[in-house]
Amino acid sequence: MALVDEAGQLVAKRRINDDAEGYRQLLGMLAEAGDSPQEPIPVAAETARGLLFACLRATGRKVYSINPMAVARYRERHRVTNPLRITA
């Protein structure tokens, strides 16, 4: 799970499982970023299925599904290349 700010800068990144513990970790991650019942941070993911997203939707939080191809292209554009790699 990656948390980005309004400018698109990475705030936090953590591997979270799709289970009750993962849900607690996600809520903790969001709380550290300023999430509150009055101003919940929206969540977007490549897939909006599974326990995490069902629980998030049940609380009334906005959950957005992102096209996986768009995410892959974004990763390719913003990937840091290996500075030691020599190209001909």
Protein backbone atom coordinates (compact mmCIF):
# COMPACT_ATOMS: atom_id res chain seq x y z
CA MET A 1 0.00 0.00 0.00
CA ALA A 2 1.37 3.42 -0.88
CA LEU A 3 0.15 6.67 0.61
CA VAL A 4 0.65 9.79 -1.50
CA ASP A 5 -0.17 13.41 -0.74
CA GLU A 6 -2.17 15.82 -2.90
CA ALA A 7 0.96 16.67 -4.90
CA GLY A 8 1.57 12.99 -5.69
CA GLN A 9 4.58 12.66 -3.38
CA LEU A 10 5.07 9.35 -1.57
CA VAL A 11 4.28 9.73 2.15
CA ALA A 12 4.40 6.09 3.26
CA LYS A 13 4.69 2.64 1.75
CA ARG A 14 3.95 -0.67 3.45
CA ARG A 15 2.98 -4.21 2.47
CA ILE A 16 -0.48 -4.91 3.86
CA ASN A 17 -2.31 -8.24 3.78
CA ASP A 18 -5.99 -8.58 2.90
CA ASP A 19 -7.06 -9.65 6.41
CA ALA A 20 -8.15 -8.14 9.73
CA GLU A 21 -4.56 -7.29 10.72
CA GLY A 22 -4.00 -5.64 7.35
CA TYR A 23 -7.13 -3.57 7.86
CA ARG A 24 -5.83 -2.40 11.26
CA GLN A 25 -2.46 -1.54 9.68
CA LEU A 26 -4.15 0.41 6.89
CA LEU A 27 -6.27 2.38 9.36
CA GLY A 28 -3.14 3.13 11.39
CA MET A 29 -1.29 4.27 8.27
CA LEU A 30 -4.18 6.56 7.33
CA ALA A 31 -4.43 7.93 10.89
CA GLU A 32 -0.71 8.80 10.87
CA ALA A 33 -1.38 10.82 7.71
CA GLY A 34 -4.18 12.82 9.33
CA ASP A 35 -7.24 10.69 8.59
CA SER A 36 -10.27 11.50 10.74
CA PRO A 37 -14.01 10.72 10.77
CA GLN A 38 -14.69 14.33 9.75
CA GLU A 39 -12.19 14.24 6.86
CA PRO A 40 -11.51 10.65 5.80
CA ILE A 41 -8.68 10.13 3.34
CA PRO A 42 -10.02 8.50 0.14
CA VAL A 43 -8.42 5.22 -0.95
CA ALA A 44 -7.57 4.10 -4.50
CA ALA A 45 -6.26 0.71 -5.58
CA GLU A 46 -5.71 -1.43 -8.65
CA THR A 47 -8.47 -3.67 -7.37
CA ALA A 48 -11.24 -2.56 -5.06
CA ARG A 49 -12.09 -6.13 -4.05
CA GLY A 50 -11.40 -8.12 -0.92
CA LEU A 51 -11.76 -7.68 2.82
CA LEU A 52 -9.82 -4.41 3.09
CA PHE A 53 -11.97 -2.60 0.59
CA ALA A 54 -15.24 -4.14 1.76
CA CYS A 55 -14.47 -2.85 5.27
CA LEU A 56 -13.47 0.58 3.96
CA ARG A 57 -16.68 0.86 1.92
CA ALA A 58 -18.76 -0.26 4.92
CA THR A 59 -17.46 2.74 6.88
CA GLY A 60 -18.60 5.12 4.13
CA ARG A 61 -15.08 5.94 2.94
CA LYS A 62 -14.65 6.72 -0.76
CA VAL A 63 -12.82 3.87 -2.50
CA TYR A 64 -11.67 4.25 -6.10
CA SER A 65 -10.56 1.55 -8.51
CA ILE A 66 -7.57 2.44 -10.70
CA ASN A 67 -6.89 0.83 -14.08
CA PRO A 68 -3.97 -1.62 -13.55
CA MET A 69 -2.44 -0.68 -16.93
CA ALA A 70 -2.38 3.00 -15.93
CA VAL A 71 -0.64 2.05 -12.68
CA ALA A 72 1.95 -0.03 -14.57
CA ARG A 73 2.68 2.87 -16.93
CA TYR A 74 3.02 5.26 -13.98
CA ARG A 75 5.53 2.89 -12.33
CA GLU A 76 7.53 2.68 -15.57
CA ARG A 77 7.69 6.47 -15.92
CA HIS A 78 8.72 7.08 -12.32
CA ARG A 79 10.99 4.10 -11.74
CA VAL A 80 14.51 4.95 -10.62
CA THR A 81 16.99 3.42 -13.02
CA ASN A 82 20.12 1.67 -11.84
CA PRO A 83 22.88 4.34 -11.77
CA LEU A 84 25.56 1.63 -12.12
CA ARG A 85 24.11 0.25 -15.33
CA ILE A 86 26.21 1.17 -18.35
CA THR A 87 24.46 1.45 -21.69
CA ALA A 88 26.15 1.38 -25.08
